[in-house]
Amino acid sequence: MAGTNSGRPSIYPTVLYTDAKAAIRQLTEALGFTELSVYEGENGSVMHAELVQGNGAVMLGSKGRGGIFDTAMKDAGPTGVYVVVDDVDAHHRRAVEHGAEILMPPTDQDYGSRDYMARDLEGNLWSFGTYAPEIQG
């Protein structure tokens, strides 16, 4: 299976934002992502960005930049992404300190995970928790 234990994720959620630069600031400052790369167009729009968290990554860009993906996502609603973190409570505190909208505080789930949920500046839902299913290759 491609990607299994190769050191690179094989799935990358991809999100488009009206203000991708503000999204990058919020995701890095409040939600603990690390900026891997940001490529801007001549007009300052974000053509492509990659942010990492643990051994996973998300790709994002500006809405209205053109291209097939942008056109196909034109009327898409918000998305939801689940991110595994080691210390849910510390991660949650950071999000609160930076003013992130919290929809669910850290909560112990029946299936053994501890999770919390936040909404970003453009309505996307980001869940952070300890649930990490083992993927067998």
Protein backbone atom coordinates (compact mmCIF):
# COMPACT_ATOMS: atom_id res chain seq x y z
CA MET A 1 0.00 0.00 0.00
CA ALA A 2 1.50 3.33 -1.01
CA GLY A 3 2.29 5.63 1.86
CA THR A 4 2.18 3.03 4.62
CA ASN A 5 5.01 3.70 7.06
CA SER A 6 6.86 5.68 4.39
CA GLY A 7 7.21 8.81 6.54
CA ARG A 8 4.80 10.75 4.35
CA PRO A 9 1.06 10.94 4.89
CA SER A 10 -0.96 9.45 2.04
CA ILE A 11 -4.03 11.62 2.62
CA TYR A 12 -3.99 15.44 2.78
CA PRO A 13 -7.19 17.31 3.60
CA THR A 14 -7.37 20.38 1.36
CA VAL A 15 -9.26 23.53 2.35
CA LEU A 16 -9.80 26.79 0.45
CA TYR A 17 -10.23 30.10 2.27
CA THR A 18 -11.42 33.56 1.30
CA ASP A 19 -8.54 34.90 3.45
CA ALA A 20 -5.93 32.13 3.37
CA LYS A 21 -3.30 34.29 5.07
CA ALA A 22 -5.57 34.83 8.09
CA ALA A 23 -6.32 31.08 8.11
CA ILE A 24 -2.61 30.27 8.15
CA ARG A 25 -2.08 32.67 11.08
CA GLN A 26 -4.95 31.11 13.05
CA LEU A 27 -3.95 27.53 12.29
CA THR A 28 -0.34 28.13 13.30
CA GLU A 29 -0.80 30.50 16.23
CA ALA A 30 -3.97 29.15 17.82
CA LEU A 31 -4.20 25.56 16.64
CA GLY A 32 -0.56 24.52 16.72
CA PHE A 33 0.19 23.80 13.08
CA THR A 34 3.66 24.46 11.65
CA GLU A 35 4.03 26.19 8.31
CA LEU A 36 5.91 23.94 5.90
CA SER A 37 5.48 25.98 2.71
CA VAL A 38 3.44 28.87 1.30
CA TYR A 39 3.40 29.81 -2.38
CA GLU A 40 1.80 33.10 -3.32
CA GLY A 41 0.56 34.32 -6.67
CA GLU A 42 1.54 37.70 -8.11
CA ASN A 43 -1.59 39.25 -6.59
CA GLY A 44 -0.70 38.01 -3.09
CA SER A 45 -3.23 35.17 -3.01
CA VAL A 46 -2.10 31.87 -1.55
CA MET A 47 -1.78 29.49 -4.46
CA HIS A 48 -0.76 26.56 -2.25
CA ALA A 49 0.29 26.11 1.37
CA GLU A 50 1.19 23.09 3.47
CA LEU A 51 0.86 23.06 7.25
CA VAL A 52 1.93 20.13 9.41
CA GLN A 53 0.80 18.76 12.75
CA GLY A 54 2.56 15.67 14.03
CA ASN A 55 3.06 13.30 11.08
CA GLY A 56 0.07 14.68 9.15
CA ALA A 57 -0.45 17.70 6.96
CA VAL A 58 -3.16 19.86 5.45
CA MET A 59 -2.98 21.75 2.16
CA LEU A 60 -4.77 25.04 1.73
CA GLY A 61 -5.11 27.96 -0.62
CA SER A 62 -7.10 31.05 -1.50
CA LYS A 63 -10.56 30.87 -3.00
CA GLY A 64 -10.87 32.56 -6.37
CA ARG A 65 -7.33 31.80 -7.52
CA GLY A 66 -8.57 29.92 -10.59
CA GLY A 67 -8.05 26.39 -11.77
CA ILE A 68 -10.11 23.22 -11.77
CA PHE A 69 -9.96 22.58 -7.99
CA ASP A 70 -10.94 26.16 -7.16
CA THR A 71 -13.86 26.00 -9.62
CA ALA A 72 -15.04 22.63 -8.29
CA MET A 73 -14.88 23.89 -4.67
CA LYS A 74 -16.62 27.19 -5.45
CA ASP A 75 -19.88 26.39 -3.65
CA ALA A 76 -18.50 23.84 -1.17
CA GLY A 77 -19.50 24.24 2.44
CA PRO A 78 -17.18 24.02 5.41
CA THR A 79 -15.21 20.85 6.00
CA GLY A 80 -14.25 18.91 9.10
CA VAL A 81 -10.76 17.61 9.85
CA TYR A 82 -9.65 15.41 12.76
CA VAL A 83 -6.09 15.89 14.03
CA VAL A 84 -4.36 13.60 16.54
CA VAL A 85 -2.51 15.42 19.34
CA ASP A 86 -0.73 14.06 22.41
CA ASP A 87 -1.99 16.56 25.02
CA VAL A 88 -5.57 17.59 24.26
CA ASP A 89 -5.90 19.86 27.29
CA ALA A 90 -2.70 21.82 26.56
CA HIS A 91 -3.69 22.10 22.89
CA HIS A 92 -7.14 23.36 23.92
CA ARG A 93 -5.62 25.95 26.29
CA ARG A 94 -3.50 27.32 23.44
CA ALA A 95 -6.57 27.59 21.18
CA VAL A 96 -8.53 29.41 23.89
CA GLU A 97 -5.62 31.78 24.63
CA HIS A 98 -5.62 32.77 20.95
CA GLY A 99 -9.38 33.31 20.82
CA ALA A 100 -10.41 30.27 18.77
CA GLU A 101 -14.12 29.50 18.78
CA ILE A 102 -14.51 26.32 20.83
CA LEU A 103 -17.58 24.22 20.00
CA MET A 104 -16.82 21.40 22.45
CA PRO A 105 -14.32 21.55 25.33
CA PRO A 106 -12.02 18.58 25.99
CA THR A 107 -14.34 15.62 26.51
CA ASP A 108 -13.67 11.95 27.26
CA GLN A 109 -15.44 9.86 24.61
CA ASP A 110 -17.02 6.41 25.05
CA TYR A 111 -14.56 4.95 22.50
CA GLY A 112 -11.56 5.92 24.63
CA SER A 113 -10.51 9.21 23.04
CA ARG A 114 -10.29 12.66 24.57
CA ASP A 115 -11.31 15.33 22.02
CA TYR A 116 -12.23 18.96 21.61
CA MET A 117 -13.66 20.83 18.63
CA ALA A 118 -13.00 24.32 17.28
CA ARG A 119 -14.34 26.35 14.35
CA ASP A 120 -11.90 28.38 12.28
CA LEU A 121 -12.46 31.91 10.98
CA GLU A 122 -14.33 30.63 7.90
CA GLY A 123 -16.49 27.95 9.48
CA ASN A 124 -14.39 24.79 9.06
CA LEU A 125 -14.47 22.38 11.98
CA TRP A 126 -11.20 21.16 13.48
CA SER A 127 -11.34 18.32 16.00
CA PHE A 128 -8.25 17.56 18.05
CA GLY A 129 -7.94 14.41 20.09
CA THR A 130 -6.14 11.23 21.04
CA TYR A 131 -8.03 8.83 18.78
CA ALA A 132 -5.53 7.34 16.31
CA PRO A 133 -6.71 4.14 14.65
CA GLU A 134 -3.99 1.67 13.73
CA ILE A 135 -3.80 1.30 9.97
CA GLN A 136 -2.55 -2.09 8.89
CA GLY A 137 -0.62 -2.31 5.64
